[in-house]
Amino acid sequence: NGGIGIRVTSDFVMPTSGSVDIEVESAWMKSDGTYAQNPYNNATNRDVRIMGIKGKMTRNSSTSYTFTRNEEGESFKVGIGTLLWDEALWSCKDYPHIWFIGQNMGYENEQDWADMINMAARNFGENFIVCSTALSGTTNQLVRCATKTFGDKYINLKAYTEGQAVYDGQRFGLIDSSALASDYDSLFWPGTDKVHQNNLLSYMWAVLMWNTLLDLGYV
């Protein structure tokens, strides 16, 4: 989601105003030494920054985009390897970041997952935490890689949800005192949707994340 920069693959001249077509790829280098091709799945009117210039990106093909400046300014050359950044993250780069990351593929193995997030998160400073989901994609190997890579910046939401979450909910007066930790499934996924947690669990996670940011001294 923009945490990894977008790499310019062909020189271009930034116009004083208006638009310019540019060739780009993801700045993520895969294990085979090549860069990932597609920087975005969908870049329609997406706000980005390049060398401090704000503009919009629209997609022409998998690697070709049009960049349109928001405001007039000087013209200059942009070289190969220059990085573009998603404005949504760039504008909040000085705040603590919560990387709530799913496991919907896009990575080669669990260490690749951790390395990709590590690169993205540290692009914006050291004040961040990483949270893996409570779903089956949070494998034991992924937990080991995340723990090794992030240390106390990592939250294993799967372990929390299946262990302490129910008891914290009781302590907050949100869950009946008769419930057991093993009741997490029916409490947090009461319907047929076993992927998206309900508001109760979302609240429990938010409290955990906030307290972690406090413990780490980020807020």
C-alpha atoms as a PDB file:
ATOM      1  CA  ASN A   1       0.000   0.000   0.000  1.00  0.00           C
ATOM      2  CA  GLY A   2       2.691   2.460  -0.966  1.00  0.00           C
ATOM      3  CA  GLY A   3       5.147   1.725   1.823  1.00  0.00           C
ATOM      4  CA  ILE A   4       7.644   0.406  -0.670  1.00  0.00           C
ATOM      5  CA  GLY A   5       8.690   3.085  -3.110  1.00  0.00           C
ATOM      6  CA  ILE A   6       7.953   3.116  -6.833  1.00  0.00           C
ATOM      7  CA  ARG A   7      11.167   3.035  -8.852  1.00  0.00           C
ATOM      8  CA  VAL A   8      11.618   5.093 -12.027  1.00  0.00           C
ATOM      9  CA  THR A   9      13.009   2.869 -14.796  1.00  0.00           C
ATOM     10  CA  SER A  10      13.527   5.480 -17.520  1.00  0.00           C
ATOM     11  CA  ASP A  11      14.752   9.083 -17.324  1.00  0.00           C
ATOM     12  CA  PHE A  12      12.161  11.803 -17.829  1.00  0.00           C
ATOM     13  CA  VAL A  13      11.896  15.556 -17.501  1.00  0.00           C
ATOM     14  CA  MET A  14       9.524  16.926 -14.897  1.00  0.00           C
ATOM     15  CA  PRO A  15       7.397  19.527 -16.693  1.00  0.00           C
ATOM     16  CA  THR A  16       6.777  22.975 -15.257  1.00  0.00           C
ATOM     17  CA  SER A  17       3.069  22.099 -15.348  1.00  0.00           C
ATOM     18  CA  GLY A  18       0.760  19.440 -16.693  1.00  0.00           C
ATOM     19  CA  SER A  19       1.560  15.778 -17.307  1.00  0.00           C
ATOM     20  CA  VAL A  20       4.370  13.471 -18.300  1.00  0.00           C
ATOM     21  CA  ASP A  21       4.372   9.751 -19.090  1.00  0.00           C
ATOM     22  CA  ILE A  22       6.762   7.735 -16.944  1.00  0.00           C
ATOM     23  CA  GLU A  23       7.956   4.140 -16.746  1.00  0.00           C
ATOM     24  CA  VAL A  24       8.098   2.610 -13.276  1.00  0.00           C
ATOM     25  CA  GLU A  25       8.285  -0.612 -11.303  1.00  0.00           C
ATOM     26  CA  SER A  26       8.137  -1.558  -7.644  1.00  0.00           C
ATOM     27  CA  ALA A  27      11.302  -0.841  -5.656  1.00  0.00           C
ATOM     28  CA  TRP A  28      10.927  -4.248  -4.008  1.00  0.00           C
ATOM     29  CA  MET A  29      13.745  -6.553  -5.105  1.00  0.00           C
ATOM     30  CA  LYS A  30      12.696 -10.184  -5.175  1.00  0.00           C
ATOM     31  CA  SER A  31      14.922 -13.051  -4.097  1.00  0.00           C
ATOM     32  CA  ASP A  32      15.973 -13.669  -7.718  1.00  0.00           C
ATOM     33  CA  GLY A  33      17.525 -10.186  -7.887  1.00  0.00           C
ATOM     34  CA  THR A  34      14.845  -8.626 -10.098  1.00  0.00           C
ATOM     35  CA  TYR A  35      12.443  -5.870  -9.120  1.00  0.00           C
ATOM     36  CA  ALA A  36       8.748  -6.628  -8.768  1.00  0.00           C
ATOM     37  CA  GLN A  37       7.006  -5.329 -11.872  1.00  0.00           C
ATOM     38  CA  ASN A  38       3.724  -3.789 -10.801  1.00  0.00           C
ATOM     39  CA  PRO A  39       3.948  -0.950  -8.260  1.00  0.00           C
ATOM     40  CA  TYR A  40       0.157  -0.812  -7.810  1.00  0.00           C
ATOM     41  CA  ASN A  41      -2.839  -2.942  -8.661  1.00  0.00           C
ATOM     42  CA  ASN A  42      -4.893   0.170  -9.289  1.00  0.00           C
ATOM     43  CA  ALA A  43      -3.460   3.672  -9.593  1.00  0.00           C
ATOM     44  CA  THR A  44      -6.409   5.699 -10.869  1.00  0.00           C
ATOM     45  CA  ASN A  45      -5.945   9.296  -9.678  1.00  0.00           C
ATOM     46  CA  ARG A  46      -3.590   8.216  -6.914  1.00  0.00           C
ATOM     47  CA  ASP A  47      -1.710  11.016  -5.121  1.00  0.00           C
ATOM     48  CA  VAL A  48       2.064  10.527  -5.028  1.00  0.00           C
ATOM     49  CA  ARG A  49       5.259  12.482  -4.367  1.00  0.00           C
ATOM     50  CA  ILE A  50       8.372  12.496  -6.509  1.00  0.00           C
ATOM     51  CA  MET A  51      11.365  14.574  -5.362  1.00  0.00           C
ATOM     52  CA  GLY A  52       8.948  16.538  -3.194  1.00  0.00           C
ATOM     53  CA  ILE A  53       6.548  17.304  -6.076  1.00  0.00           C
ATOM     54  CA  LYS A  54       2.955  16.276  -5.447  1.00  0.00           C
ATOM     55  CA  GLY A  55       0.845  14.968  -8.292  1.00  0.00           C
ATOM     56  CA  LYS A  56      -1.531  12.277  -9.474  1.00  0.00           C
ATOM     57  CA  MET A  57      -0.667   8.945 -11.060  1.00  0.00           C
ATOM     58  CA  THR A  58      -2.929   7.273 -13.602  1.00  0.00           C
ATOM     59  CA  ARG A  59      -2.204   3.906 -15.108  1.00  0.00           C
ATOM     60  CA  ASN A  60      -1.628   3.305 -18.806  1.00  0.00           C
ATOM     61  CA  SER A  61      -0.260  -0.243 -18.601  1.00  0.00           C
ATOM     62  CA  SER A  62       1.444  -2.502 -16.049  1.00  0.00           C
ATOM     63  CA  THR A  63       4.592  -0.349 -16.000  1.00  0.00           C
ATOM     64  CA  SER A  64       3.544   2.873 -17.763  1.00  0.00           C
ATOM     65  CA  TYR A  65       1.859   5.699 -15.858  1.00  0.00           C
ATOM     66  CA  THR A  66       1.047   9.358 -16.346  1.00  0.00           C
ATOM     67  CA  PHE A  67       2.144  11.796 -13.634  1.00  0.00           C
ATOM     68  CA  THR A  68       0.283  15.119 -13.476  1.00  0.00           C
ATOM     69  CA  ARG A  69       1.640  17.942 -11.322  1.00  0.00           C
ATOM     70  CA  ASN A  70      -0.746  19.558  -8.871  1.00  0.00           C
ATOM     71  CA  GLU A  71       1.011  22.924  -9.058  1.00  0.00           C
ATOM     72  CA  GLU A  72       3.351  24.705 -11.465  1.00  0.00           C
ATOM     73  CA  GLY A  73       7.058  24.778 -10.675  1.00  0.00           C
ATOM     74  CA  GLU A  74      10.527  24.390 -12.107  1.00  0.00           C
ATOM     75  CA  SER A  75      11.456  21.765 -14.673  1.00  0.00           C
ATOM     76  CA  PHE A  76      14.196  19.259 -13.877  1.00  0.00           C
ATOM     77  CA  LYS A  77      15.433  15.833 -14.906  1.00  0.00           C
ATOM     78  CA  VAL A  78      14.354  12.753 -12.949  1.00  0.00           C
ATOM     79  CA  GLY A  79      16.820   9.884 -13.219  1.00  0.00           C
ATOM     80  CA  ILE A  80      16.531   6.116 -13.195  1.00  0.00           C
ATOM     81  CA  GLY A  81      16.172   4.757  -9.675  1.00  0.00           C
ATOM     82  CA  THR A  82      14.431   7.842  -8.283  1.00  0.00           C
ATOM     83  CA  LEU A  83      11.616   6.797  -5.941  1.00  0.00           C
ATOM     84  CA  LEU A  84       8.008   7.948  -5.874  1.00  0.00           C
ATOM     85  CA  TRP A  85       6.031   7.684  -2.656  1.00  0.00           C
ATOM     86  CA  ASP A  86       2.340   7.270  -1.983  1.00  0.00           C
ATOM     87  CA  GLU A  87       1.016  10.560  -0.605  1.00  0.00           C
ATOM     88  CA  ALA A  88      -1.180   8.845   1.998  1.00  0.00           C
ATOM     89  CA  LEU A  89       1.922   7.534   3.743  1.00  0.00           C
ATOM     90  CA  TRP A  90       4.219  10.416   2.883  1.00  0.00           C
ATOM     91  CA  SER A  91       1.933  12.956   4.529  1.00  0.00           C
ATOM     92  CA  CYS A  92       1.916  10.874   7.731  1.00  0.00           C
ATOM     93  CA  LYS A  93       5.557   9.788   7.690  1.00  0.00           C
ATOM     94  CA  ASP A  94       6.371  11.535  10.979  1.00  0.00           C
ATOM     95  CA  TYR A  95       3.664   9.737  12.956  1.00  0.00           C
ATOM     96  CA  PRO A  96       3.988   6.278  14.554  1.00  0.00           C
ATOM     97  CA  HIS A  97       2.824   3.671  12.039  1.00  0.00           C
ATOM     98  CA  ILE A  98       0.736   0.578  12.659  1.00  0.00           C
ATOM     99  CA  TRP A  99       1.415  -2.005   9.945  1.00  0.00           C
ATOM    100  CA  PHE A 100      -1.650  -4.255  10.120  1.00  0.00           C
ATOM    101  CA  ILE A 101      -0.630  -6.703   7.443  1.00  0.00           C
ATOM    102  CA  GLY A 102      -2.571  -9.596   5.989  1.00  0.00           C
ATOM    103  CA  GLN A 103      -1.254 -12.694   4.289  1.00  0.00           C
ATOM    104  CA  ASN A 104      -3.099 -12.597   0.947  1.00  0.00           C
ATOM    105  CA  MET A 105      -0.012 -13.803  -0.906  1.00  0.00           C
ATOM    106  CA  GLY A 106       2.237 -11.451  -2.866  1.00  0.00           C
ATOM    107  CA  TYR A 107       5.304 -12.863  -1.136  1.00  0.00           C
ATOM    108  CA  GLU A 108       7.489 -15.887  -1.814  1.00  0.00           C
ATOM    109  CA  ASN A 109       7.824 -17.206   1.744  1.00  0.00           C
ATOM    110  CA  GLU A 110       7.454 -16.048   5.327  1.00  0.00           C
ATOM    111  CA  GLN A 111      10.879 -14.413   5.503  1.00  0.00           C
ATOM    112  CA  ASP A 112      10.101 -12.568   2.278  1.00  0.00           C
ATOM    113  CA  TRP A 113       6.918 -11.310   3.965  1.00  0.00           C
ATOM    114  CA  ALA A 114       8.886 -10.021   6.946  1.00  0.00           C
ATOM    115  CA  ASP A 115      11.625  -8.474   4.796  1.00  0.00           C
ATOM    116  CA  MET A 116       9.086  -6.676   2.603  1.00  0.00           C
ATOM    117  CA  ILE A 117       7.301  -5.144   5.587  1.00  0.00           C
ATOM    118  CA  ASN A 118      10.607  -4.301   7.252  1.00  0.00           C
ATOM    119  CA  MET A 119      11.753  -2.360   4.202  1.00  0.00           C
ATOM    120  CA  ALA A 120       8.441  -0.514   3.921  1.00  0.00           C
ATOM    121  CA  ALA A 121       8.133   0.334   7.612  1.00  0.00           C
ATOM    122  CA  ARG A 122      11.692   1.585   8.064  1.00  0.00           C
ATOM    123  CA  ASN A 123      11.342   3.888   5.063  1.00  0.00           C
ATOM    124  CA  PHE A 124       9.362   6.134   7.394  1.00  0.00           C
ATOM    125  CA  GLY A 125      11.368   5.841  10.618  1.00  0.00           C
ATOM    126  CA  GLU A 126      11.696   3.501  13.566  1.00  0.00           C
ATOM    127  CA  ASN A 127       8.448   4.298  15.385  1.00  0.00           C
ATOM    128  CA  PHE A 128       6.204   1.513  14.132  1.00  0.00           C
ATOM    129  CA  ILE A 129       4.617  -1.791  15.091  1.00  0.00           C
ATOM    130  CA  VAL A 130       3.749  -4.751  12.880  1.00  0.00           C
ATOM    131  CA  CYS A 131       0.609  -6.836  13.439  1.00  0.00           C
ATOM    132  CA  SER A 132      -0.067 -10.111  11.643  1.00  0.00           C
ATOM    133  CA  THR A 133      -3.675 -11.243  11.332  1.00  0.00           C
ATOM    134  CA  ALA A 134      -5.526 -13.874  13.353  1.00  0.00           C
ATOM    135  CA  LEU A 135      -6.056 -16.016  10.236  1.00  0.00           C
ATOM    136  CA  SER A 136      -4.398 -19.227   9.116  1.00  0.00           C
ATOM    137  CA  GLY A 137      -1.798 -17.386   7.042  1.00  0.00           C
ATOM    138  CA  THR A 138      -0.046 -16.494  10.306  1.00  0.00           C
ATOM    139  CA  THR A 139       1.937 -19.716  10.339  1.00  0.00           C
ATOM    140  CA  ASN A 140       4.466 -20.706  12.977  1.00  0.00           C
ATOM    141  CA  GLN A 141       7.223 -19.943  10.499  1.00  0.00           C
ATOM    142  CA  LEU A 142       5.798 -16.478   9.832  1.00  0.00           C
ATOM    143  CA  VAL A 143       5.670 -15.785  13.571  1.00  0.00           C
ATOM    144  CA  ARG A 144       9.296 -16.866  13.956  1.00  0.00           C
ATOM    145  CA  CYS A 145      10.398 -14.643  11.064  1.00  0.00           C
ATOM    146  CA  ALA A 146       8.399 -11.672  12.341  1.00  0.00           C
ATOM    147  CA  THR A 147       9.692 -12.080  15.894  1.00  0.00           C
ATOM    148  CA  LYS A 148      13.287 -12.283  14.663  1.00  0.00           C
ATOM    149  CA  THR A 149      12.861  -9.286  12.356  1.00  0.00           C
ATOM    150  CA  PHE A 150      10.784  -6.935  14.528  1.00  0.00           C
ATOM    151  CA  GLY A 151      11.282  -8.008  18.148  1.00  0.00           C
ATOM    152  CA  ASP A 152       9.046  -6.068  20.522  1.00  0.00           C
ATOM    153  CA  LYS A 153       7.602  -4.132  17.575  1.00  0.00           C
ATOM    154  CA  TYR A 154       5.684  -7.275  16.537  1.00  0.00           C
ATOM    155  CA  ILE A 155       2.189  -8.274  17.693  1.00  0.00           C
ATOM    156  CA  ASN A 156       0.932 -11.776  16.972  1.00  0.00           C
ATOM    157  CA  LEU A 157      -2.811 -11.105  16.808  1.00  0.00           C
ATOM    158  CA  LYS A 158      -3.559 -14.785  16.241  1.00  0.00           C
ATOM    159  CA  ALA A 159      -1.964 -15.794  19.530  1.00  0.00           C
ATOM    160  CA  TYR A 160      -3.596 -12.883  21.338  1.00  0.00           C
ATOM    161  CA  THR A 161      -7.043 -13.610  19.914  1.00  0.00           C
ATOM    162  CA  GLU A 162      -6.887 -17.299  20.822  1.00  0.00           C
ATOM    163  CA  GLY A 163      -5.417 -16.645  24.258  1.00  0.00           C
ATOM    164  CA  GLN A 164      -5.749 -13.409  26.198  1.00  0.00           C
ATOM    165  CA  ALA A 165      -8.383 -11.497  24.223  1.00  0.00           C
ATOM    166  CA  VAL A 166     -11.433 -13.055  25.901  1.00  0.00           C
ATOM    167  CA  TYR A 167     -10.051 -12.397  29.384  1.00  0.00           C
ATOM    168  CA  ASP A 168      -9.164  -8.806  28.517  1.00  0.00           C
ATOM    169  CA  GLY A 169     -12.720  -8.399  27.237  1.00  0.00           C
ATOM    170  CA  GLN A 170     -14.015  -9.625  30.598  1.00  0.00           C
ATOM    171  CA  ARG A 171     -11.727  -7.224  32.427  1.00  0.00           C
ATOM    172  CA  PHE A 172     -13.127  -4.358  30.330  1.00  0.00           C
ATOM    173  CA  GLY A 173     -16.699  -5.472  31.081  1.00  0.00           C
ATOM    174  CA  LEU A 174     -17.375  -6.343  27.437  1.00  0.00           C
ATOM    175  CA  ILE A 175     -17.588 -10.141  27.671  1.00  0.00           C
ATOM    176  CA  ASP A 176     -19.572 -12.286  30.092  1.00  0.00           C
ATOM    177  CA  SER A 177     -17.467 -13.674  32.939  1.00  0.00           C
ATOM    178  CA  SER A 178     -18.493 -17.253  32.122  1.00  0.00           C
ATOM    179  CA  ALA A 179     -16.693 -17.229  28.757  1.00  0.00           C
ATOM    180  CA  LEU A 180     -13.448 -19.129  28.254  1.00  0.00           C
ATOM    181  CA  ALA A 181     -10.492 -18.340  26.006  1.00  0.00           C
ATOM    182  CA  SER A 182     -11.618 -21.211  23.769  1.00  0.00           C
ATOM    183  CA  ASP A 183     -14.870 -19.347  23.051  1.00  0.00           C
ATOM    184  CA  TYR A 184     -13.013 -16.790  20.935  1.00  0.00           C
ATOM    185  CA  ASP A 185     -14.385 -18.167  17.673  1.00  0.00           C
ATOM    186  CA  SER A 186     -18.059 -17.744  18.555  1.00  0.00           C
ATOM    187  CA  LEU A 187     -17.445 -14.412  20.291  1.00  0.00           C
ATOM    188  CA  PHE A 188     -15.401 -12.725  17.585  1.00  0.00           C
ATOM    189  CA  TRP A 189     -16.717 -14.439  14.425  1.00  0.00           C
ATOM    190  CA  PRO A 190     -20.340 -15.182  15.351  1.00  0.00           C
ATOM    191  CA  GLY A 191     -21.636 -15.421  11.773  1.00  0.00           C
ATOM    192  CA  THR A 192     -20.549 -17.257   8.660  1.00  0.00           C
ATOM    193  CA  ASP A 193     -17.800 -14.745   7.851  1.00  0.00           C
ATOM    194  CA  LYS A 194     -14.701 -16.273   9.422  1.00  0.00           C
ATOM    195  CA  VAL A 195     -12.310 -13.776   7.845  1.00  0.00           C
ATOM    196  CA  HIS A 196     -13.439 -10.329   9.004  1.00  0.00           C
ATOM    197  CA  GLN A 197     -13.633  -9.958  12.790  1.00  0.00           C
ATOM    198  CA  ASN A 198     -16.544  -8.201  14.479  1.00  0.00           C
ATOM    199  CA  ASN A 199     -16.417  -4.817  16.205  1.00  0.00           C
ATOM    200  CA  LEU A 200     -15.728  -6.397  19.587  1.00  0.00           C
ATOM    201  CA  LEU A 201     -12.475  -7.983  18.461  1.00  0.00           C
ATOM    202  CA  SER A 202     -11.532  -4.878  16.479  1.00  0.00           C
ATOM    203  CA  TYR A 203     -11.811  -2.916  19.711  1.00  0.00           C
ATOM    204  CA  MET A 204      -9.709  -5.460  21.608  1.00  0.00           C
ATOM    205  CA  TRP A 205      -7.009  -5.258  18.951  1.00  0.00           C
ATOM    206  CA  ALA A 206      -7.078  -1.458  18.954  1.00  0.00           C
ATOM    207  CA  VAL A 207      -6.503  -1.370  22.712  1.00  0.00           C
ATOM    208  CA  LEU A 208      -3.621  -3.827  22.375  1.00  0.00           C
ATOM    209  CA  MET A 209      -2.024  -1.784  19.589  1.00  0.00           C
ATOM    210  CA  TRP A 210      -2.442   1.479  21.480  1.00  0.00           C
ATOM    211  CA  ASN A 211      -0.932   0.037  24.656  1.00  0.00           C
ATOM    212  CA  THR A 212       1.991  -1.340  22.646  1.00  0.00           C
ATOM    213  CA  LEU A 213       2.652   2.110  21.162  1.00  0.00           C
ATOM    214  CA  LEU A 214       2.602   3.499  24.719  1.00  0.00           C
ATOM    215  CA  ASP A 215       4.928   0.788  26.050  1.00  0.00           C
ATOM    216  CA  LEU A 216       7.416   1.470  23.256  1.00  0.00           C
ATOM    217  CA  GLY A 217       7.302   5.215  23.971  1.00  0.00           C
ATOM    218  CA  TYR A 218       6.010   6.140  20.510  1.00  0.00           C
ATOM    219  CA  VAL A 219       3.032   8.115  21.846  1.00  0.00           C
END
